[in-house]
Amino acid sequence: MALEKTVVELRIADRIQLLNALPRQGNVGMMKTVRDLKESLEFTEEELEKFGLKFEGTQVQWTPAMSEETVPIAIGPRGLALVSETLEGLEKENKLPLDMLGVYELFCEEAAEE
């Protein structure tokens, strides 16, 4: 039985921020969830071309006109829980950067309203 996934509209910056925030180590179950999330969040060949994405060292550049363009990303329940826990952890440690506030509001504040 497949778990129902939630579709979330994410901008380029949101996806990059989430990819960078994901845990780099953990137990087997967590790492499988991270792997699935990375597969969902990473950019396809078509998106790389469409958005004009260029990766240079630790910098990522894209066509400015595409900054607000969103893409529907399907994320399973475990992935949603992991993203929320990760972002809430950053918030509790006072390490949530301003540029991630929108992503935090999307994943954490919407979950609290449900």
Protein backbone atom coordinates (compact mmCIF):
# COMPACT_ATOMS: atom_id res chain seq x y z
CA MET A 1 0.00 0.00 0.00
CA ALA A 2 1.49 3.33 -1.09
CA LEU A 3 1.43 6.20 1.34
CA GLU A 4 -0.38 9.32 0.21
CA LYS A 5 1.97 12.15 -0.66
CA THR A 6 1.32 15.83 -0.12
CA VAL A 7 2.06 18.17 -3.00
CA VAL A 8 3.84 21.36 -1.98
CA GLU A 9 4.55 24.28 -4.33
CA LEU A 10 8.22 25.24 -3.91
CA ARG A 11 10.42 27.91 -5.46
CA ILE A 12 14.02 27.28 -6.55
CA ALA A 13 15.41 28.86 -3.38
CA ASP A 14 13.05 26.80 -1.18
CA ARG A 15 14.29 23.57 -2.72
CA ILE A 16 17.95 24.52 -2.37
CA GLN A 17 17.45 25.59 1.25
CA LEU A 18 15.68 22.34 2.11
CA LEU A 19 18.35 20.25 0.41
CA ASN A 20 21.02 22.06 2.44
CA ALA A 21 19.08 21.72 5.71
CA LEU A 22 18.47 17.96 5.52
CA PRO A 23 20.30 15.84 8.10
CA ARG A 24 23.58 14.37 6.86
CA GLN A 25 23.59 11.47 9.29
CA GLY A 26 21.10 9.48 11.32
CA ASN A 27 19.60 6.03 11.59
CA VAL A 28 18.76 3.87 8.57
CA GLY A 29 15.10 4.89 8.49
CA MET A 30 15.95 8.59 8.62
CA MET A 31 18.58 8.28 5.91
CA LYS A 32 16.11 6.47 3.62
CA THR A 33 13.67 9.34 4.17
CA VAL A 34 16.45 11.85 3.43
CA ARG A 35 17.31 9.95 0.24
CA ASP A 36 13.66 10.05 -0.89
CA LEU A 37 13.41 13.76 -0.07
CA LYS A 38 16.58 14.53 -2.01
CA GLU A 39 15.20 12.69 -5.03
CA SER A 40 12.01 14.77 -4.84
CA LEU A 41 13.77 18.10 -4.26
CA GLU A 42 16.65 17.78 -6.74
CA PHE A 43 16.32 19.45 -10.12
CA THR A 44 15.57 17.55 -13.31
CA GLU A 45 17.51 18.16 -16.53
CA GLU A 46 14.49 20.05 -17.88
CA GLU A 47 14.35 22.28 -14.78
CA LEU A 48 18.08 23.01 -14.96
CA GLU A 49 17.58 24.31 -18.48
CA LYS A 50 14.24 26.06 -17.84
CA PHE A 51 15.50 27.95 -14.78
CA GLY A 52 19.00 28.55 -16.17
CA LEU A 53 20.51 26.94 -13.04
CA LYS A 54 24.28 27.08 -12.75
CA PHE A 55 26.24 25.54 -9.88
CA GLU A 56 29.62 27.11 -9.20
CA GLY A 57 31.30 25.79 -6.07
CA THR A 58 28.90 26.49 -3.21
CA GLN A 59 27.01 29.13 -5.20
CA VAL A 60 23.85 28.53 -7.21
CA GLN A 61 22.62 31.00 -9.80
CA TRP A 62 19.44 31.03 -11.85
CA THR A 63 17.54 33.31 -14.20
CA PRO A 64 16.15 36.09 -11.96
CA ALA A 65 12.82 36.08 -13.80
CA MET A 66 12.29 32.49 -12.62
CA SER A 67 12.81 33.25 -8.90
CA GLU A 68 9.12 33.14 -7.98
CA GLU A 69 8.26 30.24 -10.30
CA THR A 70 7.04 27.27 -8.27
CA VAL A 71 7.09 23.56 -8.99
CA PRO A 72 4.77 21.02 -7.38
CA ILE A 73 6.84 18.61 -5.27
CA ALA A 74 5.27 15.45 -3.84
CA ILE A 75 6.48 14.64 -0.32
CA GLY A 76 5.43 11.63 1.74
CA PRO A 77 4.35 11.75 5.40
CA ARG A 78 7.78 10.74 6.73
CA GLY A 79 9.45 13.38 4.58
CA LEU A 80 7.03 16.06 5.77
CA ALA A 81 7.65 15.08 9.38
CA LEU A 82 11.43 15.15 8.88
CA VAL A 83 11.34 18.57 7.20
CA SER A 84 9.16 19.96 9.99
CA GLU A 85 11.39 18.48 12.71
CA THR A 86 14.53 19.83 11.02
CA LEU A 87 13.13 23.34 10.63
CA GLU A 88 11.65 23.38 14.14
CA GLY A 89 15.04 22.25 15.47
CA LEU A 90 16.72 25.19 13.75
CA GLU A 91 14.11 27.53 15.21
CA LYS A 92 14.49 26.17 18.75
CA GLU A 93 18.29 26.53 18.54
CA ASN A 94 17.87 30.11 17.26
CA LYS A 95 19.64 29.06 14.03
CA LEU A 96 16.79 29.62 11.56
CA PRO A 97 18.12 32.03 8.90
CA LEU A 98 15.85 34.82 7.69
CA ASP A 99 15.90 33.49 4.12
CA MET A 100 14.35 30.21 5.38
CA LEU A 101 11.45 31.90 7.19
CA GLY A 102 9.08 31.33 4.27
CA VAL A 103 9.92 27.62 4.13
CA TYR A 104 9.49 27.38 7.92
CA GLU A 105 6.07 29.03 7.68
CA LEU A 106 5.05 26.72 4.85
CA PHE A 107 5.99 23.47 6.59
CA CYS A 108 5.70 24.24 10.30
CA GLU A 109 2.97 26.82 10.68
CA GLU A 110 0.62 25.10 8.21
CA ALA A 111 1.12 21.82 10.05
CA ALA A 112 0.21 23.54 13.34
CA GLU A 113 -3.01 24.88 11.79
CA GLU A 114 -4.21 21.43 10.67
